[in-house]
Protein backbone atom coordinates (compact mmCIF):
# COMPACT_ATOMS: atom_id res chain seq x y z
CA MET A 1 -153.36 77.41 66.55
CA THR A 2 -150.81 80.36 67.04
CA ASP A 3 -153.50 82.98 66.38
CA ARG A 4 -155.94 81.08 69.24
CA ILE A 5 -153.22 80.96 71.81
CA MET A 6 -152.47 84.71 71.20
CA THR A 7 -155.92 85.90 71.42
CA THR A 8 -156.71 84.19 74.71
CA LEU A 9 -156.73 87.49 76.37
CA PRO A 10 -157.46 90.42 74.27
CA ALA A 11 -154.49 92.69 73.94
CA THR A 12 -156.58 95.56 75.46
CA THR A 13 -156.46 93.91 79.12
CA HIS A 14 -153.34 95.46 79.89
CA PRO A 15 -150.56 97.95 78.74
CA ARG A 16 -149.74 97.80 74.99
CA PRO A 17 -147.09 99.40 72.87
CA SER A 18 -148.14 103.00 72.13
CA SER A 19 -146.76 102.80 68.55
CA LEU A 20 -144.52 100.84 65.88
CA ALA A 21 -141.59 103.00 67.14
CA ASP A 22 -142.37 101.99 70.67
CA LEU A 23 -142.45 98.53 69.61
CA PHE A 24 -139.23 98.81 67.50
CA PHE A 25 -137.06 100.69 70.44
CA SER A 26 -138.41 98.35 73.01
CA PHE A 27 -137.20 95.29 71.12
CA THR A 28 -133.95 97.23 70.19
CA LEU A 29 -133.40 97.89 73.89
CA LEU A 30 -134.28 94.16 74.88
CA ALA A 31 -132.01 92.87 72.24
CA LEU A 32 -129.17 95.10 73.56
CA GLN A 33 -129.46 93.60 76.92
CA GLY A 34 -129.33 89.94 75.76
CA PHE A 35 -125.80 88.58 76.35
CA GLY A 36 -125.80 84.51 76.08
CA GLY A 37 -129.71 84.02 76.48
CA VAL A 38 -132.19 86.60 76.55
CA LEU A 39 -135.21 84.42 78.33
CA ALA A 40 -134.40 86.20 81.74
CA ILE A 41 -134.68 89.63 80.12
CA VAL A 42 -137.47 88.91 77.92
CA GLN A 43 -139.64 88.00 81.02
CA ARG A 44 -138.69 90.91 83.09
CA GLU A 45 -139.14 93.46 80.42
CA LEU A 46 -142.43 92.35 78.73
CA VAL A 47 -143.99 90.98 81.86
CA GLU A 48 -142.66 92.77 84.79
CA LYS A 49 -141.61 96.30 83.55
CA LYS A 50 -144.12 97.11 80.33
CA GLN A 51 -146.71 94.68 81.22
CA TRP A 52 -147.47 93.67 77.87
CA LEU A 53 -147.89 90.05 78.83
CA THR A 54 -149.31 88.39 81.84
CA LYS A 55 -147.22 85.68 83.22
CA GLU A 56 -149.62 83.21 81.79
CA GLU A 57 -149.66 84.82 78.66
CA PHE A 58 -145.86 84.82 78.57
CA ILE A 59 -145.73 81.08 79.21
CA GLU A 60 -148.18 80.09 76.86
CA GLU A 61 -146.67 82.18 74.05
CA TRP A 62 -142.85 81.36 75.04
CA ALA A 63 -144.15 77.88 74.60
CA VAL A 64 -145.37 78.31 71.04
CA ALA A 65 -142.15 80.24 70.32
CA GLN A 66 -140.28 77.09 71.19
CA ILE A 67 -141.87 74.50 69.33
CA MET A 68 -141.86 76.85 66.23
CA PRO A 69 -138.73 76.72 63.62
CA GLY A 70 -136.10 79.24 64.33
CA PRO A 71 -134.88 81.35 67.47
CA ASN A 72 -137.28 81.29 70.19
CA VAL A 73 -136.92 85.41 70.98
CA VAL A 74 -137.33 85.89 67.38
CA ASN A 75 -140.56 84.11 67.13
CA LEU A 76 -141.95 85.52 70.37
CA SER A 77 -141.17 89.02 68.88
CA MET A 78 -143.19 88.51 65.87
CA MET A 79 -146.05 87.03 67.95
CA ILE A 80 -146.19 90.30 70.10
CA GLY A 81 -145.57 92.51 67.19
CA SER A 82 -148.61 90.89 65.34
CA ARG A 83 -150.92 90.67 68.52
CA TYR A 84 -150.81 94.79 68.75
CA PHE A 85 -149.91 95.83 64.91
CA GLY A 86 -150.69 93.12 62.80
CA LEU A 87 -148.02 92.13 59.82
CA ALA A 88 -146.39 95.79 60.32
CA GLY A 89 -145.99 94.71 64.12
CA ALA A 90 -144.52 91.50 63.59
CA LEU A 91 -142.19 92.86 60.96
CA THR A 92 -141.34 95.89 63.27
CA ALA A 93 -140.71 94.03 66.42
CA LEU A 94 -138.55 91.58 64.41
CA ALA A 95 -136.33 94.82 62.93
CA GLY A 96 -135.94 96.05 66.43
CA LEU A 97 -134.75 92.69 67.41
CA LEU A 98 -132.07 92.07 64.78
CA THR A 99 -130.61 95.52 63.70
CA ALA A 100 -128.60 96.53 66.34
CA PRO A 101 -127.13 92.87 67.29
CA LEU A 102 -126.50 92.32 63.68
CA ILE A 103 -124.46 95.35 63.31
CA ILE A 104 -122.51 94.44 66.96
CA VAL A 105 -121.71 91.12 65.70
CA LEU A 106 -120.39 91.92 62.60
CA LEU A 107 -118.01 94.36 64.37
CA VAL A 108 -117.26 91.54 67.32
CA ALA A 109 -116.74 89.23 64.43
CA ILE A 110 -114.00 91.11 63.20
CA LEU A 111 -112.41 92.07 66.27
CA TYR A 112 -112.91 88.49 67.53
CA ALA A 113 -110.72 87.35 64.62
CA GLN A 114 -107.78 89.31 65.93
CA VAL A 115 -107.79 87.70 69.43
CA ALA A 116 -109.41 84.41 69.09
CA ASP A 117 -106.28 82.26 69.76
CA HIS A 118 -105.62 84.09 73.25
CA PRO A 119 -106.31 81.48 76.31
CA GLN A 120 -107.98 84.42 78.03
CA VAL A 121 -110.62 84.56 75.55
CA ALA A 122 -111.70 81.39 75.50
CA GLY A 123 -111.72 81.15 79.60
CA ALA A 124 -114.00 84.40 79.37
CA LEU A 125 -116.62 82.68 76.70
CA ARG A 126 -116.74 79.34 79.13
CA GLY A 127 -117.13 81.47 82.03
CA MET A 128 -119.99 82.96 80.60
CA SER A 129 -121.94 79.70 79.80
CA ALA A 130 -122.42 79.17 83.66
CA VAL A 131 -123.80 82.83 83.93
CA THR A 132 -126.06 81.88 81.16
CA ALA A 133 -127.33 78.70 82.84
CA GLY A 134 -127.95 80.65 85.88
CA MET A 135 -130.28 83.40 84.27
CA ILE A 136 -132.23 80.51 82.54
CA MET A 137 -132.81 78.90 86.00
CA ALA A 138 -133.79 82.07 87.72
CA THR A 139 -136.34 82.62 85.14
CA GLY A 140 -137.92 79.14 85.51
CA LEU A 141 -137.91 79.92 89.38
CA ARG A 142 -139.52 83.45 88.66
CA LEU A 143 -142.15 82.03 86.43
CA ALA A 144 -142.95 78.93 88.39
CA PRO A 145 -145.89 80.54 90.67
CA ALA A 146 -147.81 80.92 87.28
CA LEU A 147 -148.16 76.99 87.17
CA LYS A 148 -150.80 77.37 90.06
CA THR A 149 -153.33 78.44 87.66
CA HIS A 150 -152.25 76.07 85.12
CA PRO A 151 -155.20 73.66 83.76
CA LEU A 152 -153.16 70.40 84.93
CA GLY A 153 -152.00 71.93 88.29
CA TRP A 154 -148.61 72.25 89.36
CA ARG A 155 -148.00 68.86 90.18
CA VAL A 156 -148.57 67.42 86.79
CA CYS A 157 -146.41 70.37 85.21
CA LEU A 158 -143.79 69.32 87.89
CA VAL A 159 -143.75 65.62 86.81
CA LEU A 160 -143.30 66.97 83.30
CA CYS A 161 -140.53 69.03 83.91
CA VAL A 162 -138.63 66.36 85.74
CA LEU A 163 -139.44 63.98 82.81
CA CYS A 164 -138.30 66.53 80.87
CA PHE A 165 -134.86 66.98 82.64
CA ILE A 166 -134.22 63.26 82.77
CA GLY A 167 -135.19 62.94 79.03
CA ILE A 168 -132.52 65.64 77.99
CA ALA A 169 -130.14 66.17 80.74
CA LEU A 170 -129.49 62.37 81.93
CA LEU A 171 -130.58 60.08 78.86
CA ARG A 172 -129.24 62.20 76.65
CA LEU A 173 -132.37 62.03 74.20
CA PRO A 174 -132.76 64.34 71.37
CA LEU A 175 -134.69 67.63 72.05
CA GLY A 176 -137.13 66.82 69.13
CA TYR A 177 -138.12 63.52 70.74
CA VAL A 178 -138.75 64.86 73.98
CA LEU A 179 -140.76 67.71 72.63
CA ILE A 180 -142.93 65.44 70.49
CA SER A 181 -143.72 63.12 73.09
CA LEU A 182 -143.72 65.34 76.34
CA GLY A 183 -145.22 68.36 74.70
CA GLY A 184 -147.74 65.92 72.77
CA ALA A 185 -148.84 64.63 76.08
CA SER A 186 -149.14 67.91 77.75
CA CYS A 187 -151.33 69.35 75.00
CA LEU A 188 -153.54 66.05 75.14
CA LEU A 189 -153.80 66.69 78.77
CA VAL A 190 -154.65 70.19 78.83
CA TYR A 191 -157.32 69.50 75.85
CA ARG A 192 -159.13 66.69 77.74
CA LYS A 193 -159.09 68.72 80.97
CA LEU A 194 -160.39 71.83 79.19
CA ALA A 195 -163.02 69.84 77.21
CA ARG A 196 -164.68 68.62 80.61
């Protein structure tokens, strides 16, 4: 299923990474920008700047990355690397995404152990959560125009978004249940629509 989604549009229809090194350094720079959440940064870098994906491709691949086990952006990096360079590309993108942050996190963990008890540090971390929520909302609004070309139409997509929000934010249902029920219903509706 993943291969079929990744190949809905040929990789040659828009710019692509020029080499494995380009892929590695692009994901390294992307990872170094991602504080508290990378969705907005990934979308800006891969869709708007590098144009390796269209908005529609990004939404499709991000959806697949979210339902796969593991961190979303790690899954997405491997899907994009595989799209252009196969297994070597998947591993290169993964290495680019993880190497520099791993080194930084290890250094920060050593530093954090020294200052963890200070109230200013706890306050700063709480403040960053608001910034992260704002980044996610901004990305969602920026990607919303791509729903105009979605097979279900923007109205059905909006209903699904509202139901997802109600299920997770208001009813506090487990993410797995919401994902299986609404995601499954969405997949079924799209399948039936495309089969006609």
